[in-house]
C-alpha atoms as a PDB file:
ATOM      1  CA  UNK A   1     129.443 149.342  23.047  1.00  0.00           C
ATOM      2  CA  UNK A   2     132.021 151.351  24.857  1.00  0.00           C
ATOM      3  CA  UNK A   3     135.285 149.948  23.909  1.00  0.00           C
ATOM      4  CA  UNK A   4     136.800 151.102  27.687  1.00  0.00           C
ATOM      5  CA  UNK A   5     135.364 152.324  30.556  1.00  0.00           C
ATOM      6  CA  UNK A   6     136.967 153.574  33.918  1.00  0.00           C
ATOM      7  CA  UNK A   7     135.992 153.752  36.903  1.00  0.00           C
ATOM      8  CA  UNK A   8     137.135 154.167  40.277  1.00  0.00           C
ATOM      9  CA  UNK A   9     138.255 157.577  40.306  1.00  0.00           C
ATOM     10  CA  UNK A  10     136.897 159.678  42.880  1.00  0.00           C
ATOM     11  CA  UNK A  11     137.613 162.298  46.275  1.00  0.00           C
ATOM     12  CA  UNK A  12     140.511 161.603  48.251  1.00  0.00           C
ATOM     13  CA  UNK A  13     143.081 162.986  51.012  1.00  0.00           C
ATOM     14  CA  UNK A  14     146.585 164.215  50.503  1.00  0.00           C
ATOM     15  CA  UNK A  15     148.431 161.068  51.658  1.00  0.00           C
ATOM     16  CA  UNK A  16     145.340 158.917  50.491  1.00  0.00           C
ATOM     17  CA  UNK A  17     144.670 156.432  47.772  1.00  0.00           C
ATOM     18  CA  UNK A  18     142.545 155.360  45.165  1.00  0.00           C
ATOM     19  CA  UNK A  19     142.099 152.052  42.293  1.00  0.00           C
ATOM     20  CA  UNK A  20     141.066 152.968  39.152  1.00  0.00           C
ATOM     21  CA  UNK A  21     140.304 149.668  37.001  1.00  0.00           C
ATOM     22  CA  UNK A  22     139.402 150.542  33.488  1.00  0.00           C
ATOM     23  CA  UNK A  23     137.588 147.256  31.304  1.00  0.00           C
ATOM     24  CA  UNK A  24     138.051 146.903  27.452  1.00  0.00           C
ATOM     25  CA  UNK A  25     135.719 145.517  25.355  1.00  0.00           C
ATOM     26  CA  UNK A  26     138.553 144.117  22.329  1.00  0.00           C
ATOM     27  CA  UNK A  27     139.869 141.145  21.779  1.00  0.00           C
ATOM     28  CA  UNK A  28     143.141 142.293  20.989  1.00  0.00           C
ATOM     29  CA  UNK A  29     143.613 143.738  24.377  1.00  0.00           C
ATOM     30  CA  UNK A  30     146.423 140.911  25.059  1.00  0.00           C
ATOM     31  CA  UNK A  31     148.394 142.240  22.648  1.00  0.00           C
ATOM     32  CA  UNK A  32     147.696 146.157  22.932  1.00  0.00           C
ATOM     33  CA  UNK A  33     149.866 148.712  24.758  1.00  0.00           C
ATOM     34  CA  UNK A  34     148.021 150.519  27.471  1.00  0.00           C
ATOM     35  CA  UNK A  35     147.617 153.796  28.976  1.00  0.00           C
ATOM     36  CA  UNK A  36     146.354 155.828  31.578  1.00  0.00           C
ATOM     37  CA  UNK A  37     146.677 159.520  30.822  1.00  0.00           C
ATOM     38  CA  UNK A  38     145.620 163.063  33.655  1.00  0.00           C
ATOM     39  CA  UNK A  39     144.700 166.219  31.719  1.00  0.00           C
ATOM     40  CA  UNK A  40     143.490 169.159  34.132  1.00  0.00           C
ATOM     41  CA  UNK A  41     141.575 172.123  32.353  1.00  0.00           C
ATOM     42  CA  UNK A  42     143.951 174.703  30.745  1.00  0.00           C
ATOM     43  CA  UNK A  43     147.404 172.695  29.647  1.00  0.00           C
ATOM     44  CA  UNK A  44     147.543 169.533  27.737  1.00  0.00           C
ATOM     45  CA  UNK A  45     146.608 165.701  28.219  1.00  0.00           C
ATOM     46  CA  UNK A  46     149.960 164.282  29.992  1.00  0.00           C
ATOM     47  CA  UNK A  47     151.130 160.200  30.225  1.00  0.00           C
ATOM     48  CA  UNK A  48     151.050 158.858  33.937  1.00  0.00           C
ATOM     49  CA  UNK A  49     152.062 155.437  32.950  1.00  0.00           C
ATOM     50  CA  UNK A  50     152.091 152.374  30.809  1.00  0.00           C
ATOM     51  CA  UNK A  51     152.289 149.051  30.430  1.00  0.00           C
ATOM     52  CA  UNK A  52     152.819 147.125  27.177  1.00  0.00           C
ATOM     53  CA  UNK A  53     151.868 143.735  26.364  1.00  0.00           C
ATOM     54  CA  UNK A  54     155.210 141.728  27.531  1.00  0.00           C
ATOM     55  CA  UNK A  55     154.306 143.983  30.920  1.00  0.00           C
ATOM     56  CA  UNK A  56     157.281 146.749  30.871  1.00  0.00           C
ATOM     57  CA  UNK A  57     156.809 149.933  32.357  1.00  0.00           C
ATOM     58  CA  UNK A  58     156.639 153.586  31.605  1.00  0.00           C
ATOM     59  CA  UNK A  59     155.828 155.983  34.635  1.00  0.00           C
ATOM     60  CA  UNK A  60     155.907 160.021  34.964  1.00  0.00           C
ATOM     61  CA  UNK A  61     157.746 161.301  36.887  1.00  0.00           C
ATOM     62  CA  UNK A  62     155.254 162.986  38.658  1.00  0.00           C
ATOM     63  CA  UNK A  63     154.284 159.685  40.229  1.00  0.00           C
ATOM     64  CA  UNK A  64     156.683 157.587  39.769  1.00  0.00           C
ATOM     65  CA  UNK A  65     157.478 155.737  43.216  1.00  0.00           C
ATOM     66  CA  UNK A  66     153.667 156.500  43.843  1.00  0.00           C
ATOM     67  CA  UNK A  67     151.490 154.670  41.099  1.00  0.00           C
ATOM     68  CA  UNK A  68     152.018 151.354  39.685  1.00  0.00           C
ATOM     69  CA  UNK A  69     150.030 149.977  36.229  1.00  0.00           C
ATOM     70  CA  UNK A  70     148.924 146.492  36.034  1.00  0.00           C
ATOM     71  CA  UNK A  71     146.903 144.217  33.543  1.00  0.00           C
ATOM     72  CA  UNK A  72     145.391 141.604  33.508  1.00  0.00           C
ATOM     73  CA  UNK A  73     144.299 140.493  30.762  1.00  0.00           C
ATOM     74  CA  UNK A  74     141.450 137.810  30.917  1.00  0.00           C
ATOM     75  CA  UNK A  75     139.838 139.821  32.549  1.00  0.00           C
ATOM     76  CA  UNK A  76     140.514 142.642  29.988  1.00  0.00           C
ATOM     77  CA  UNK A  77     141.307 145.050  31.976  1.00  0.00           C
ATOM     78  CA  UNK A  78     144.734 147.829  33.677  1.00  0.00           C
ATOM     79  CA  UNK A  79     144.647 149.216  36.361  1.00  0.00           C
ATOM     80  CA  UNK A  80     145.866 152.367  38.083  1.00  0.00           C
ATOM     81  CA  UNK A  81     147.058 152.176  42.157  1.00  0.00           C
ATOM     82  CA  UNK A  82     147.413 155.856  42.962  1.00  0.00           C
ATOM     83  CA  UNK A  83     149.335 156.034  46.499  1.00  0.00           C
ATOM     84  CA  UNK A  84     150.610 158.997  48.669  1.00  0.00           C
ATOM     85  CA  UNK A  85     148.049 161.445  46.395  1.00  0.00           C
ATOM     86  CA  UNK A  86     148.994 164.871  46.130  1.00  0.00           C
ATOM     87  CA  UNK A  87     146.366 168.122  44.852  1.00  0.00           C
ATOM     88  CA  UNK A  88     148.387 168.330  42.059  1.00  0.00           C
ATOM     89  CA  UNK A  89     147.055 164.705  40.960  1.00  0.00           C
ATOM     90  CA  UNK A  90     143.171 166.413  40.374  1.00  0.00           C
ATOM     91  CA  UNK A  91     142.518 165.334  37.567  1.00  0.00           C
ATOM     92  CA  UNK A  92     140.506 163.880  34.952  1.00  0.00           C
ATOM     93  CA  UNK A  93     141.793 160.470  34.411  1.00  0.00           C
ATOM     94  CA  UNK A  94     141.885 158.452  31.685  1.00  0.00           C
ATOM     95  CA  UNK A  95     142.613 154.920  29.475  1.00  0.00           C
ATOM     96  CA  UNK A  96     143.752 154.126  26.072  1.00  0.00           C
ATOM     97  CA  UNK A  97     145.080 151.877  24.223  1.00  0.00           C
ATOM     98  CA  UNK A  98     147.117 151.692  21.060  1.00  0.00           C
ATOM     99  CA  UNK A  99     150.137 149.885  19.284  1.00  0.00           C
ATOM    100  CA  UNK A 100     152.729 151.853  21.281  1.00  0.00           C
ATOM    101  CA  UNK A 101     153.744 153.788  24.025  1.00  0.00           C
ATOM    102  CA  UNK A 102     153.507 157.049  21.678  1.00  0.00           C
ATOM    103  CA  UNK A 103     150.157 156.174  19.528  1.00  0.00           C
ATOM    104  CA  UNK A 104     147.607 155.631  21.596  1.00  0.00           C
ATOM    105  CA  UNK A 105     144.507 155.645  19.012  1.00  0.00           C
ATOM    106  CA  UNK A 106     141.344 154.480  21.083  1.00  0.00           C
ATOM    107  CA  UNK A 107     140.381 155.982  24.403  1.00  0.00           C
ATOM    108  CA  UNK A 108     138.155 155.905  27.650  1.00  0.00           C
ATOM    109  CA  UNK A 109     135.469 158.907  28.647  1.00  0.00           C
ATOM    110  CA  UNK A 110     137.683 159.876  31.607  1.00  0.00           C
ATOM    111  CA  UNK A 111     137.271 159.272  34.820  1.00  0.00           C
ATOM    112  CA  UNK A 112     137.474 162.178  37.809  1.00  0.00           C
ATOM    113  CA  UNK A 113     139.969 162.636  39.928  1.00  0.00           C
ATOM    114  CA  UNK A 114     140.036 165.041  43.087  1.00  0.00           C
ATOM    115  CA  UNK A 115     142.650 164.884  45.754  1.00  0.00           C
ATOM    116  CA  UNK A 116     142.066 167.163  48.948  1.00  0.00           C
ATOM    117  CA  UNK A 117     144.834 169.523  50.743  1.00  0.00           C
END
């Protein structure tokens, strides 16, 4: 069984919205920091947003005010609501878990987001 499974990616127009979901098969879900990262070919993977076990959130400057991360511990799911999408948001998006925002050690397989101008 795959520990982290993302869904919700796809094609959107600039200004549109998508919601990504990541379901975790992990008994420790509730005590883990959860994050969404993205990567485009030839560039480093970057942290887009994270949420701590207590609900504290972090956002990259590039998505602040447009993206919202949330978690549902009962469903063992983390979400990324992406609004006002821009072509530069086009990337493979990965969810990850770990003990802190700087220590992600379990990754999903990724879901592609493509934003057209």
